[in-house]
């Protein structure tokens, strides 16, 4: 971390934005994978029946 105190807020905001983007992207990917598994399960169930 730089010792210059003026860069601390910028670094904190950048880190918070990066964490937010990563968490939102990860949650969206998890939801997309869940929907895909659900649709695959329904298709397999209807095919078995």
N, C-alpha and C. Protein backbone atom coordinates (compact mmCIF):
# COMPACT_ATOMS: atom_id res chain seq x y z
N UNK A 1 0.85 -1.20 0.00
CA UNK A 1 0.00 0.00 0.00
C UNK A 1 0.88 1.25 0.00
N UNK A 2 0.53 2.23 -0.79
CA UNK A 2 1.32 3.47 -0.81
C UNK A 2 1.16 4.24 0.49
N UNK A 3 2.22 4.93 0.87
CA UNK A 3 2.18 5.69 2.12
C UNK A 3 1.44 7.01 1.96
N UNK A 4 1.22 7.44 0.71
CA UNK A 4 0.51 8.69 0.47
C UNK A 4 -0.95 8.52 0.87
N UNK A 5 -1.43 9.32 1.80
CA UNK A 5 -2.79 9.16 2.33
C UNK A 5 -3.85 9.54 1.32
N UNK A 6 -3.52 10.29 0.30
CA UNK A 6 -4.53 10.70 -0.67
C UNK A 6 -4.96 9.54 -1.56
N UNK A 7 -4.13 8.52 -1.69
CA UNK A 7 -4.47 7.39 -2.56
C UNK A 7 -5.26 6.32 -1.83
N UNK A 8 -5.34 6.41 -0.51
CA UNK A 8 -6.07 5.40 0.26
C UNK A 8 -7.55 5.33 -0.10
N UNK A 9 -8.29 6.47 -0.16
CA UNK A 9 -9.72 6.38 -0.53
C UNK A 9 -9.91 5.81 -1.92
N UNK A 10 -9.04 6.17 -2.86
CA UNK A 10 -9.16 5.66 -4.22
C UNK A 10 -8.97 4.14 -4.24
N UNK A 11 -7.97 3.67 -3.50
CA UNK A 11 -7.71 2.23 -3.44
C UNK A 11 -8.87 1.50 -2.77
N UNK A 12 -9.44 2.11 -1.73
CA UNK A 12 -10.56 1.48 -1.03
C UNK A 12 -11.78 1.39 -1.93
N UNK A 13 -12.06 2.46 -2.67
CA UNK A 13 -13.22 2.46 -3.58
C UNK A 13 -13.00 1.45 -4.71
N UNK A 14 -11.79 1.39 -5.24
CA UNK A 14 -11.49 0.44 -6.31
C UNK A 14 -11.64 -0.99 -5.82
N UNK A 15 -11.17 -1.27 -4.61
CA UNK A 15 -11.28 -2.62 -4.07
C UNK A 15 -12.75 -2.98 -3.83
N UNK A 16 -13.54 -2.02 -3.32
CA UNK A 16 -14.95 -2.29 -3.07
C UNK A 16 -15.69 -2.55 -4.39
N UNK A 17 -15.38 -1.77 -5.41
CA UNK A 17 -16.03 -1.96 -6.72
C UNK A 17 -15.65 -3.31 -7.31
N UNK A 18 -14.39 -3.69 -7.19
CA UNK A 18 -13.95 -4.98 -7.72
C UNK A 18 -14.65 -6.12 -6.99
N UNK A 19 -14.76 -6.02 -5.66
CA UNK A 19 -15.43 -7.06 -4.89
C UNK A 19 -16.91 -7.14 -5.27
N UNK A 20 -17.54 -6.00 -5.48
CA UNK A 20 -18.96 -5.97 -5.84
C UNK A 20 -19.17 -6.63 -7.21
N UNK A 21 -18.33 -6.26 -8.19
CA UNK A 21 -18.46 -6.83 -9.53
C UNK A 21 -18.22 -8.33 -9.50
N UNK A 22 -17.22 -8.76 -8.74
CA UNK A 22 -16.92 -10.19 -8.66
C UNK A 22 -18.05 -10.95 -8.01
N UNK A 23 -18.60 -10.42 -6.92
CA UNK A 23 -19.67 -11.13 -6.21
C UNK A 23 -20.94 -11.19 -7.07
N UNK A 24 -21.26 -10.10 -7.76
CA UNK A 24 -22.45 -10.09 -8.61
C UNK A 24 -22.27 -11.05 -9.78
N UNK A 25 -21.10 -11.05 -10.39
CA UNK A 25 -20.84 -11.95 -11.50
C UNK A 25 -20.88 -13.40 -11.05
N UNK A 26 -20.31 -13.68 -9.87
CA UNK A 26 -20.30 -15.04 -9.36
C UNK A 26 -21.71 -15.51 -9.03
N UNK A 27 -22.51 -14.62 -8.43
CA UNK A 27 -23.89 -14.98 -8.10
C UNK A 27 -24.69 -15.23 -9.37
N UNK A 28 -24.47 -14.42 -10.40
CA UNK A 28 -25.18 -14.62 -11.66
C UNK A 28 -24.79 -15.94 -12.31
N UNK A 29 -23.50 -16.29 -12.21
CA UNK A 29 -23.04 -17.55 -12.80
C UNK A 29 -23.64 -18.73 -12.05
N UNK A 30 -23.70 -18.62 -10.70
CA UNK A 30 -24.30 -19.69 -9.89
C UNK A 30 -25.78 -19.86 -10.25
N UNK A 31 -26.49 -18.74 -10.39
CA UNK A 31 -27.92 -18.80 -10.71
C UNK A 31 -28.12 -19.41 -12.10
N UNK A 32 -27.27 -19.02 -13.05
CA UNK A 32 -27.38 -19.55 -14.41
C UNK A 32 -27.13 -21.06 -14.40
N UNK A 33 -26.14 -21.50 -13.64
CA UNK A 33 -25.85 -22.93 -13.56
C UNK A 33 -27.01 -23.67 -12.90
N UNK A 34 -27.62 -23.06 -11.88
CA UNK A 34 -28.76 -23.68 -11.22
C UNK A 34 -29.95 -23.82 -12.16
N UNK A 35 -30.21 -22.78 -12.94
CA UNK A 35 -31.32 -22.86 -13.90
C UNK A 35 -31.04 -23.91 -14.96
N UNK A 36 -29.79 -24.02 -15.39
CA UNK A 36 -29.43 -25.02 -16.39
C UNK A 36 -29.63 -26.43 -15.84
N UNK A 37 -29.20 -26.65 -14.59
CA UNK A 37 -29.36 -27.97 -13.98
C UNK A 37 -30.84 -28.29 -13.80
N UNK A 38 -31.64 -27.28 -13.43
CA UNK A 38 -33.07 -27.48 -13.23
C UNK A 38 -33.73 -27.87 -14.55
N UNK A 39 -33.40 -27.17 -15.62
CA UNK A 39 -34.01 -27.49 -16.92
C UNK A 39 -33.56 -28.85 -17.41
N UNK A 40 -32.31 -29.19 -17.17
CA UNK A 40 -31.81 -30.51 -17.56
C UNK A 40 -32.52 -31.60 -16.77
N UNK A 41 -32.74 -31.35 -15.47
CA UNK A 41 -33.43 -32.33 -14.64
C UNK A 41 -34.88 -32.52 -15.09
N UNK A 42 -35.56 -31.43 -15.42
CA UNK A 42 -36.94 -31.53 -15.89
C UNK A 42 -37.00 -32.27 -17.23
N UNK A 43 -36.04 -32.01 -18.12
CA UNK A 43 -36.02 -32.69 -19.41
C UNK A 43 -35.76 -34.18 -19.22
N UNK A 44 -34.83 -34.52 -18.33
CA UNK A 44 -34.54 -35.93 -18.07
C UNK A 44 -35.73 -36.63 -17.43
N UNK A 45 -36.43 -35.93 -16.55
CA UNK A 45 -37.59 -36.52 -15.88
C UNK A 45 -38.71 -36.77 -16.88
N UNK A 46 -38.97 -35.79 -17.74
CA UNK A 46 -40.04 -35.97 -18.74
C UNK A 46 -39.65 -37.05 -19.75
N UNK A 47 -38.37 -37.18 -20.04
CA UNK A 47 -37.93 -38.21 -20.99
C UNK A 47 -38.08 -39.60 -20.38
N UNK A 48 -37.78 -39.70 -19.06
CA UNK A 48 -37.91 -40.99 -18.38
C UNK A 48 -39.39 -41.40 -18.27
N UNK A 49 -40.26 -40.41 -18.06
CA UNK A 49 -41.69 -40.71 -17.94
C UNK A 49 -42.30 -40.86 -19.33
